[in-house]
């Protein structure tokens, strides 16, 4: 007895359907889906600080009736970069200790320094994550004619507030 071509086709088609069915079942048995929630937590920003630069060199120095530069080193303790947008004065400008002793900006009369600071807004100073940067603010300190002779050669500490945003 011989197998007819029709019978072979039917058996071939049946085997093909069976194999595809098994493959489809195996695929379906190994896939899965679902839904749920993931979680993240925001960190807390740390305050920017400044460092003492009293020993640095100054190109544009103060004289009575003129403006001078202010050097500032900004420290960023955060794990993300920050762009500083404003630097504003927030206290009494003091001369270094040697010049205070000589009579420039004494603790009882700090006004004898004659030094003022012009607030700086609209800045764009980049400070790397966990880093620092030193920048010069050009012509933002002024010395009036009220400055006493004892202020000659003094280095002035200018208290500032530094503001910015993640950058």
N, C-alpha and C. Protein backbone atom coordinates (compact mmCIF):
# COMPACT_ATOMS: atom_id res chain seq x y z
N UNK A 1 0.81 -1.16 0.00
CA UNK A 1 0.00 0.00 0.00
C UNK A 1 0.87 1.24 0.00
N UNK A 2 0.50 2.13 -0.82
CA UNK A 2 1.29 3.35 -0.97
C UNK A 2 0.57 4.52 -0.33
N UNK A 3 1.44 5.41 0.19
CA UNK A 3 0.87 6.66 0.72
C UNK A 3 0.56 7.58 -0.43
N UNK A 4 -0.61 8.08 -0.39
CA UNK A 4 -0.98 9.01 -1.45
C UNK A 4 -0.42 10.39 -1.15
N UNK A 5 -0.17 11.20 -2.18
CA UNK A 5 0.35 12.55 -1.97
C UNK A 5 -0.59 13.38 -1.10
N UNK A 6 -1.84 13.16 -1.19
CA UNK A 6 -2.79 13.93 -0.41
C UNK A 6 -2.65 13.59 1.07
N UNK A 7 -2.45 12.32 1.35
CA UNK A 7 -2.32 11.87 2.73
C UNK A 7 -1.04 12.46 3.34
N UNK A 8 0.04 12.50 2.57
CA UNK A 8 1.29 13.09 3.06
C UNK A 8 1.14 14.58 3.34
N UNK A 9 0.42 15.24 2.50
CA UNK A 9 0.20 16.69 2.71
C UNK A 9 -0.59 16.91 3.99
N UNK A 10 -1.59 16.10 4.21
CA UNK A 10 -2.41 16.27 5.40
C UNK A 10 -1.57 16.00 6.64
N UNK A 11 -0.75 14.93 6.60
CA UNK A 11 0.09 14.60 7.75
C UNK A 11 1.13 15.72 7.95
N UNK A 12 1.73 16.24 6.88
CA UNK A 12 2.71 17.33 6.97
C UNK A 12 2.08 18.59 7.57
N UNK A 13 0.88 18.91 7.15
CA UNK A 13 0.19 20.09 7.67
C UNK A 13 -0.15 19.90 9.13
N UNK A 14 -0.56 18.69 9.50
CA UNK A 14 -0.90 18.41 10.89
C UNK A 14 0.33 18.54 11.79
N UNK A 15 1.46 18.00 11.32
CA UNK A 15 2.70 18.09 12.09
C UNK A 15 3.11 19.56 12.24
N UNK A 16 3.01 20.34 11.17
CA UNK A 16 3.35 21.77 11.21
C UNK A 16 2.47 22.51 12.21
N UNK A 17 1.19 22.26 12.18
CA UNK A 17 0.26 22.92 13.11
C UNK A 17 0.59 22.51 14.54
N UNK A 18 0.90 21.25 14.76
CA UNK A 18 1.24 20.75 16.08
C UNK A 18 2.51 21.42 16.60
N UNK A 19 3.56 21.51 15.75
CA UNK A 19 4.82 22.15 16.15
C UNK A 19 4.58 23.62 16.47
N UNK A 20 3.85 24.32 15.63
CA UNK A 20 3.57 25.74 15.89
C UNK A 20 2.76 25.91 17.17
N UNK A 21 1.86 25.02 17.42
CA UNK A 21 1.07 25.07 18.65
C UNK A 21 1.93 24.89 19.88
N UNK A 22 2.86 23.93 19.83
CA UNK A 22 3.76 23.68 20.96
C UNK A 22 4.67 24.90 21.18
N UNK A 23 5.23 25.46 20.10
CA UNK A 23 6.09 26.65 20.21
C UNK A 23 5.29 27.81 20.80
N UNK A 24 4.10 28.03 20.33
CA UNK A 24 3.25 29.10 20.86
C UNK A 24 2.94 28.89 22.32
N UNK A 25 2.68 27.66 22.74
CA UNK A 25 2.39 27.37 24.14
C UNK A 25 3.61 27.62 25.01
N UNK A 26 4.79 27.18 24.53
CA UNK A 26 6.02 27.39 25.29
C UNK A 26 6.31 28.88 25.42
N UNK A 27 6.15 29.65 24.36
CA UNK A 27 6.37 31.10 24.41
C UNK A 27 5.41 31.73 25.41
N UNK A 28 4.16 31.35 25.32
CA UNK A 28 3.15 31.91 26.21
C UNK A 28 3.42 31.51 27.66
N UNK A 29 3.97 30.35 27.87
CA UNK A 29 4.23 29.89 29.23
C UNK A 29 5.38 30.64 29.87
N UNK A 30 6.28 31.27 29.06
CA UNK A 30 7.44 31.95 29.61
C UNK A 30 7.32 33.47 29.63
N UNK A 31 6.27 34.05 29.15
CA UNK A 31 6.12 35.51 29.20
C UNK A 31 5.15 35.86 30.30
N UNK A 32 5.35 37.04 30.82
CA UNK A 32 4.50 37.50 31.91
C UNK A 32 4.51 39.01 31.92
N UNK A 33 3.50 39.62 32.46
CA UNK A 33 3.46 41.07 32.59
C UNK A 33 2.71 41.42 33.86
N UNK A 34 2.81 42.66 34.25
CA UNK A 34 2.14 43.12 35.46
C UNK A 34 2.36 44.60 35.64
N UNK A 35 1.97 45.14 36.76
CA UNK A 35 2.18 46.55 37.05
C UNK A 35 2.43 46.73 38.54
N UNK A 36 2.96 47.87 38.90
CA UNK A 36 3.28 48.15 40.29
C UNK A 36 3.90 49.53 40.38
N UNK A 37 4.69 49.79 41.39
CA UNK A 37 5.31 51.09 41.60
C UNK A 37 6.81 50.95 41.78
N UNK A 38 7.54 51.98 41.34
CA UNK A 38 8.96 52.11 41.62
C UNK A 38 9.11 53.30 42.56
N UNK A 39 10.25 53.42 43.21
CA UNK A 39 10.43 54.49 44.19
C UNK A 39 11.75 55.19 43.98
N UNK A 40 11.77 56.49 44.25
CA UNK A 40 12.99 57.29 44.20
C UNK A 40 12.91 58.30 45.34
N UNK A 41 14.04 58.79 45.78
CA UNK A 41 14.05 59.77 46.86
C UNK A 41 14.94 60.94 46.45
N UNK A 42 14.46 62.14 46.69
CA UNK A 42 15.23 63.35 46.39
C UNK A 42 16.22 63.62 47.53
N UNK A 43 17.37 64.12 47.17
CA UNK A 43 18.35 64.53 48.16
C UNK A 43 18.00 65.91 48.70
N UNK A 44 18.80 66.39 49.62
CA UNK A 44 18.60 67.71 50.22
C UNK A 44 19.79 68.60 49.84
N UNK A 45 19.49 69.76 49.29
CA UNK A 45 20.55 70.69 48.88
C UNK A 45 21.32 71.19 50.09
N UNK A 46 22.62 71.33 49.92
CA UNK A 46 23.48 71.90 50.95
C UNK A 46 23.86 73.32 50.55
N UNK A 47 24.10 74.15 51.52
CA UNK A 47 24.41 75.56 51.28
C UNK A 47 25.77 75.71 50.59
N UNK A 48 25.82 76.65 49.64
CA UNK A 48 27.09 77.04 49.04
C UNK A 48 27.88 77.83 50.07
N UNK A 49 29.20 77.75 50.00
CA UNK A 49 30.05 78.52 50.91
C UNK A 49 31.12 79.25 50.10
N UNK A 50 31.87 80.10 50.77
CA UNK A 50 33.00 80.76 50.14
C UNK A 50 34.26 80.45 50.95
N UNK A 51 35.41 80.61 50.32
CA UNK A 51 36.69 80.37 50.99
C UNK A 51 37.50 81.65 51.04
N UNK A 52 38.40 81.72 52.02
CA UNK A 52 39.26 82.88 52.21
C UNK A 52 40.26 83.00 51.06
N UNK A 53 40.26 84.14 50.42
CA UNK A 53 41.23 84.43 49.35
C UNK A 53 42.08 85.64 49.70
N UNK A 54 42.20 85.94 50.98
CA UNK A 54 42.91 87.16 51.39
C UNK A 54 44.37 87.17 50.95
N UNK A 55 44.96 86.00 50.70
CA UNK A 55 46.35 85.96 50.28
C UNK A 55 46.53 86.02 48.77
N UNK A 56 45.42 86.08 48.02
CA UNK A 56 45.54 86.08 46.56
C UNK A 56 45.94 87.46 46.04
N UNK A 57 46.33 87.50 44.79
CA UNK A 57 46.73 88.78 44.20
C UNK A 57 45.51 89.47 43.58
N UNK A 58 45.53 90.76 43.63
CA UNK A 58 44.43 91.57 43.10
C UNK A 58 44.98 92.50 42.03
N UNK A 59 44.39 92.45 40.87
CA UNK A 59 44.86 93.27 39.77
C UNK A 59 44.34 94.70 39.88
N UNK A 60 43.04 94.84 40.06
CA UNK A 60 42.40 96.16 40.11
C UNK A 60 42.12 96.51 41.56
N UNK A 61 43.05 97.23 42.20
CA UNK A 61 42.97 97.52 43.63
C UNK A 61 42.14 98.77 43.90
N UNK A 62 41.75 98.91 45.15
CA UNK A 62 40.95 100.06 45.59
C UNK A 62 41.82 101.25 45.97
N UNK A 63 41.33 102.42 45.61
CA UNK A 63 41.89 103.69 46.05
C UNK A 63 40.70 104.59 46.34
N UNK A 64 40.85 105.58 47.22
CA UNK A 64 39.72 106.46 47.48
C UNK A 64 39.16 107.06 46.19
N UNK A 65 37.84 106.95 46.04
CA UNK A 65 37.16 107.48 44.87
C UNK A 65 37.14 106.55 43.67
N UNK A 66 37.61 105.30 43.82
CA UNK A 66 37.64 104.37 42.68
C UNK A 66 36.93 103.06 43.02
N UNK A 67 36.76 102.26 41.99
CA UNK A 67 36.21 100.91 42.14
C UNK A 67 37.33 99.89 41.98
N UNK A 68 37.14 98.73 42.58
CA UNK A 68 38.12 97.66 42.46
C UNK A 68 37.43 96.31 42.32
N UNK A 69 38.22 95.30 42.01
CA UNK A 69 37.70 93.95 41.81
C UNK A 69 37.55 93.21 43.14
N UNK A 70 36.66 92.24 43.13
CA UNK A 70 36.47 91.36 44.27
C UNK A 70 36.69 89.92 43.79
N UNK A 71 37.61 89.23 44.44
CA UNK A 71 37.85 87.82 44.15
C UNK A 71 37.00 86.99 45.10
N UNK A 72 36.38 85.93 44.57
CA UNK A 72 35.55 85.08 45.41
C UNK A 72 35.72 83.62 44.97
N UNK A 73 35.87 82.75 45.95
CA UNK A 73 35.94 81.30 45.70
C UNK A 73 34.66 80.69 46.25
N UNK A 74 33.89 80.08 45.36
CA UNK A 74 32.60 79.50 45.73
C UNK A 74 32.74 77.98 45.78
N UNK A 75 32.33 77.40 46.90
CA UNK A 75 32.41 75.96 47.12
C UNK A 75 31.02 75.35 47.02
N UNK A 76 30.91 74.25 46.27
CA UNK A 76 29.64 73.55 46.09
C UNK A 76 29.77 72.14 46.68
N UNK A 77 29.18 71.89 47.87
CA UNK A 77 29.27 70.56 48.48
C UNK A 77 28.24 69.57 47.94
N UNK A 78 27.41 70.00 47.00
CA UNK A 78 26.33 69.16 46.47
C UNK A 78 26.85 68.19 45.41
N UNK A 79 26.12 67.11 45.20
CA UNK A 79 26.51 66.10 44.21
C UNK A 79 25.96 66.43 42.83
N UNK A 80 25.60 67.67 42.61
CA UNK A 80 25.15 68.14 41.30
C UNK A 80 25.76 69.52 41.05
N UNK A 81 25.95 69.89 39.79
CA UNK A 81 26.52 71.21 39.50
C UNK A 81 25.53 72.32 39.85
N UNK A 82 26.06 73.49 40.14
CA UNK A 82 25.25 74.65 40.51
C UNK A 82 25.65 75.83 39.63
N UNK A 83 24.68 76.63 39.24
CA UNK A 83 24.94 77.89 38.55
C UNK A 83 24.59 79.01 39.52
N UNK A 84 25.58 79.81 39.89
CA UNK A 84 25.38 80.94 40.80
C UNK A 84 24.80 82.09 39.99
N UNK A 85 23.69 82.64 40.47
CA UNK A 85 23.00 83.71 39.76
C UNK A 85 23.09 85.06 40.46
N UNK A 86 23.38 85.07 41.76
CA UNK A 86 23.53 86.36 42.45
C UNK A 86 24.49 86.25 43.62
N UNK A 87 25.17 87.35 43.87
CA UNK A 87 26.08 87.50 45.01
C UNK A 87 25.75 88.86 45.61
N UNK A 88 25.29 88.84 46.85
CA UNK A 88 24.87 90.08 47.49
C UNK A 88 25.60 90.27 48.82
N UNK A 89 25.88 91.52 49.14
CA UNK A 89 26.52 91.83 50.41
C UNK A 89 25.57 91.56 51.55
N UNK A 90 26.10 91.04 52.69
CA UNK A 90 25.22 90.74 53.81
C UNK A 90 25.84 91.04 55.17
N UNK A 91 26.70 92.02 55.23
CA UNK A 91 27.29 92.36 56.52
C UNK A 91 28.29 93.49 56.41
N UNK A 92 28.94 93.75 57.53
CA UNK A 92 29.91 94.84 57.61
C UNK A 92 31.23 94.43 56.99
N UNK A 93 31.73 95.27 56.11
CA UNK A 93 33.02 95.03 55.45
C UNK A 93 34.12 95.36 56.45
N UNK A 94 35.05 94.42 56.62
CA UNK A 94 36.12 94.56 57.61
C UNK A 94 37.49 94.55 56.94
N UNK A 95 38.40 95.35 57.47
CA UNK A 95 39.81 95.30 57.04
C UNK A 95 40.49 94.15 57.76
N UNK A 96 41.61 93.69 57.24
CA UNK A 96 42.38 92.64 57.92
C UNK A 96 42.83 93.14 59.29
N UNK A 97 43.21 92.19 60.18
CA UNK A 97 43.52 92.51 61.57
C UNK A 97 44.62 93.53 61.75
N UNK A 98 45.68 93.45 60.95
CA UNK A 98 46.79 94.39 61.08
C UNK A 98 46.32 95.82 60.81
N UNK A 99 45.52 95.99 59.78
CA UNK A 99 45.05 97.33 59.43
C UNK A 99 43.97 97.82 60.38
N UNK A 100 43.18 96.90 60.97
CA UNK A 100 42.21 97.31 61.99
C UNK A 100 42.95 97.88 63.20
N UNK A 101 44.02 97.19 63.59
CA UNK A 101 44.81 97.66 64.73
C UNK A 101 45.36 99.06 64.48
N UNK A 102 45.69 99.31 63.20
CA UNK A 102 46.23 100.63 62.84
C UNK A 102 45.13 101.68 62.73
N UNK A 103 43.83 101.27 62.76
CA UNK A 103 42.74 102.24 62.74
C UNK A 103 41.84 102.18 61.53
N UNK A 104 41.99 101.19 60.67
CA UNK A 104 41.13 101.05 59.49
C UNK A 104 39.99 100.09 59.79
N UNK A 105 38.79 100.60 59.85
CA UNK A 105 37.63 99.74 60.07
C UNK A 105 37.68 99.00 61.38
N UNK A 106 37.90 99.73 62.46
CA UNK A 106 37.94 99.10 63.77
C UNK A 106 36.57 98.53 64.11
N UNK A 107 36.53 97.60 65.02
CA UNK A 107 35.25 96.99 65.40
C UNK A 107 34.29 98.03 65.95
N UNK A 108 34.79 99.11 66.53
CA UNK A 108 33.91 100.15 67.04
C UNK A 108 33.48 101.13 65.96
N UNK A 109 34.21 101.20 64.83
CA UNK A 109 33.85 102.10 63.75
C UNK A 109 34.29 101.51 62.41
N UNK A 110 33.52 100.51 61.93
CA UNK A 110 33.85 99.84 60.67
C UNK A 110 33.69 100.76 59.47
N UNK A 111 32.96 101.87 59.62
CA UNK A 111 32.72 102.76 58.49
C UNK A 111 33.99 103.46 58.01
N UNK A 112 35.04 103.45 58.80
CA UNK A 112 36.27 104.14 58.40
C UNK A 112 36.97 103.45 57.24
N UNK A 113 36.51 102.24 56.85
CA UNK A 113 37.10 101.61 55.67
C UNK A 113 36.67 102.36 54.42
N UNK A 114 35.46 102.90 54.41
CA UNK A 114 34.92 103.58 53.24
C UNK A 114 34.63 102.63 52.08
N UNK A 115 34.63 101.32 52.33
CA UNK A 115 34.46 100.34 51.27
C UNK A 115 33.01 99.85 51.24
N UNK A 116 32.46 99.77 50.02
CA UNK A 116 31.11 99.22 49.81
C UNK A 116 31.18 98.18 48.69
N UNK A 117 30.13 97.35 48.64
CA UNK A 117 30.04 96.29 47.64
C UNK A 117 28.74 96.46 46.87
N UNK A 118 28.82 96.38 45.54
CA UNK A 118 27.63 96.47 44.69
C UNK A 118 27.09 95.06 44.46
N UNK A 119 25.85 94.82 44.88
CA UNK A 119 25.24 93.50 44.70
C UNK A 119 25.28 93.08 43.23
N UNK A 120 25.50 91.80 43.01
CA UNK A 120 25.63 91.26 41.66
C UNK A 120 24.50 90.28 41.38
N UNK A 121 23.61 90.65 40.47
CA UNK A 121 22.52 89.77 40.06
C UNK A 121 22.70 89.47 38.57
N UNK A 122 21.98 88.49 38.08
CA UNK A 122 22.10 88.14 36.67
C UNK A 122 23.41 87.46 36.32
N UNK A 123 24.06 86.89 37.31
CA UNK A 123 25.32 86.18 37.08
C UNK A 123 25.05 84.79 36.50
N UNK A 124 26.05 84.16 35.97
CA UNK A 124 25.97 82.78 35.49
C UNK A 124 27.33 82.12 35.72
N UNK A 125 27.60 81.81 36.99
CA UNK A 125 28.89 81.25 37.39
C UNK A 125 28.69 79.76 37.67
N UNK A 126 29.33 78.91 36.88
CA UNK A 126 29.17 77.46 37.03
C UNK A 126 30.13 76.92 38.08
N UNK A 127 29.58 76.08 38.98
CA UNK A 127 30.40 75.42 39.99
C UNK A 127 30.11 73.92 39.88
N UNK A 128 31.14 73.14 39.64
CA UNK A 128 30.99 71.69 39.43
C UNK A 128 30.46 71.01 40.69
N UNK A 129 29.86 69.85 40.49
CA UNK A 129 29.40 69.03 41.62
C UNK A 129 30.59 68.72 42.52
N UNK A 130 30.40 68.89 43.83
CA UNK A 130 31.45 68.64 44.82
C UNK A 130 32.74 69.38 44.48
N UNK A 131 32.61 70.56 43.89
CA UNK A 131 33.79 71.31 43.47
C UNK A 131 33.74 72.75 43.92
N UNK A 132 34.62 73.53 43.35
CA UNK A 132 34.67 74.96 43.65
C UNK A 132 35.18 75.69 42.42
N UNK A 133 34.96 76.99 42.43
CA UNK A 133 35.48 77.83 41.36
C UNK A 133 35.84 79.19 41.96
N UNK A 134 36.88 79.77 41.42
CA UNK A 134 37.29 81.11 41.83
C UNK A 134 37.00 82.05 40.67
N UNK A 135 36.38 83.16 40.99
CA UNK A 135 36.04 84.13 39.94
C UNK A 135 36.34 85.54 40.43
N UNK A 136 36.53 86.44 39.50
CA UNK A 136 36.75 87.84 39.81
C UNK A 136 35.53 88.64 39.35
N UNK A 137 34.98 89.39 40.27
CA UNK A 137 33.87 90.29 39.96
C UNK A 137 34.50 91.67 39.72
N UNK A 138 34.45 92.14 38.50
CA UNK A 138 35.16 93.35 38.12
C UNK A 138 34.44 94.62 38.59
N UNK A 139 35.21 95.51 39.23
CA UNK A 139 34.76 96.85 39.63
C UNK A 139 33.50 96.85 40.48
N UNK A 140 33.35 95.90 41.40
CA UNK A 140 32.14 95.83 42.22
C UNK A 140 32.35 96.33 43.65
N UNK A 141 33.60 96.59 44.03
CA UNK A 141 33.88 97.20 45.33
C UNK A 141 34.25 98.66 45.08
N UNK A 142 33.80 99.52 45.98
CA UNK A 142 34.12 100.95 45.87
C UNK A 142 34.74 101.42 47.17
N UNK A 143 35.67 102.36 47.04
CA UNK A 143 36.26 102.99 48.23
C UNK A 143 35.98 104.48 48.15
N UNK A 144 35.36 104.98 49.19
CA UNK A 144 35.03 106.41 49.21
C UNK A 144 36.19 107.21 49.79
N UNK A 145 36.05 108.50 49.73
CA UNK A 145 37.07 109.38 50.31
C UNK A 145 37.03 109.36 51.83
N UNK A 146 36.04 108.67 52.43
CA UNK A 146 35.97 108.53 53.88
C UNK A 146 36.99 107.52 54.41
N UNK A 147 37.61 106.76 53.51
CA UNK A 147 38.60 105.77 53.93
C UNK A 147 39.80 106.48 54.56
N UNK A 148 40.19 105.99 55.72
CA UNK A 148 41.30 106.63 56.45
C UNK A 148 42.64 106.13 55.91
N UNK A 149 43.70 106.88 56.18
CA UNK A 149 45.04 106.52 55.72
C UNK A 149 45.47 105.13 56.18
N UNK A 150 44.98 104.70 57.34
CA UNK A 150 45.38 103.39 57.89
C UNK A 150 44.89 102.24 57.01
N UNK A 151 44.00 102.50 56.04
CA UNK A 151 43.48 101.45 55.16
C UNK A 151 44.40 101.17 53.97
N UNK A 152 45.47 101.94 53.82
CA UNK A 152 46.37 101.71 52.69
C UNK A 152 46.98 100.31 52.78
N UNK A 153 46.82 99.52 51.71
CA UNK A 153 47.37 98.17 51.64
C UNK A 153 46.52 97.10 52.31
N UNK A 154 45.39 97.48 52.88
CA UNK A 154 44.54 96.51 53.58
C UNK A 154 43.86 95.56 52.61
N UNK A 155 43.58 94.36 53.10
CA UNK A 155 42.72 93.41 52.40
C UNK A 155 41.40 93.40 53.14
N UNK A 156 40.31 93.58 52.41
CA UNK A 156 38.99 93.70 53.02
C UNK A 156 38.19 92.41 52.87
N UNK A 157 37.56 92.02 53.96
CA UNK A 157 36.64 90.88 53.94
C UNK A 157 35.25 91.43 53.71
N UNK A 158 34.61 90.96 52.64
CA UNK A 158 33.29 91.43 52.25
C UNK A 158 32.31 90.27 52.44
N UNK A 159 31.49 90.28 53.49
CA UNK A 159 30.52 89.20 53.69
C UNK A 159 29.48 89.21 52.57
N UNK A 160 29.22 88.04 52.01
CA UNK A 160 28.26 87.94 50.90
C UNK A 160 27.34 86.74 51.09
N UNK A 161 26.19 86.81 50.44
CA UNK A 161 25.29 85.67 50.28
C UNK A 161 25.36 85.27 48.83
N UNK A 162 25.43 83.96 48.58
CA UNK A 162 25.55 83.43 47.23
C UNK A 162 24.30 82.60 46.95
N UNK A 163 23.65 82.89 45.83
CA UNK A 163 22.43 82.16 45.46
C UNK A 163 22.56 81.60 44.04
N UNK A 164 21.89 80.49 43.82
CA UNK A 164 21.92 79.88 42.49
C UNK A 164 20.92 78.77 42.38
N UNK A 165 21.10 77.95 41.38
CA UNK A 165 20.20 76.82 41.12
C UNK A 165 20.99 75.67 40.53
N UNK A 166 20.38 74.50 40.55
CA UNK A 166 21.08 73.35 39.97
C UNK A 166 21.36 73.66 38.52
N UNK A 167 22.53 73.30 38.08
CA UNK A 167 22.91 73.73 36.76
C UNK A 167 23.59 72.71 35.95
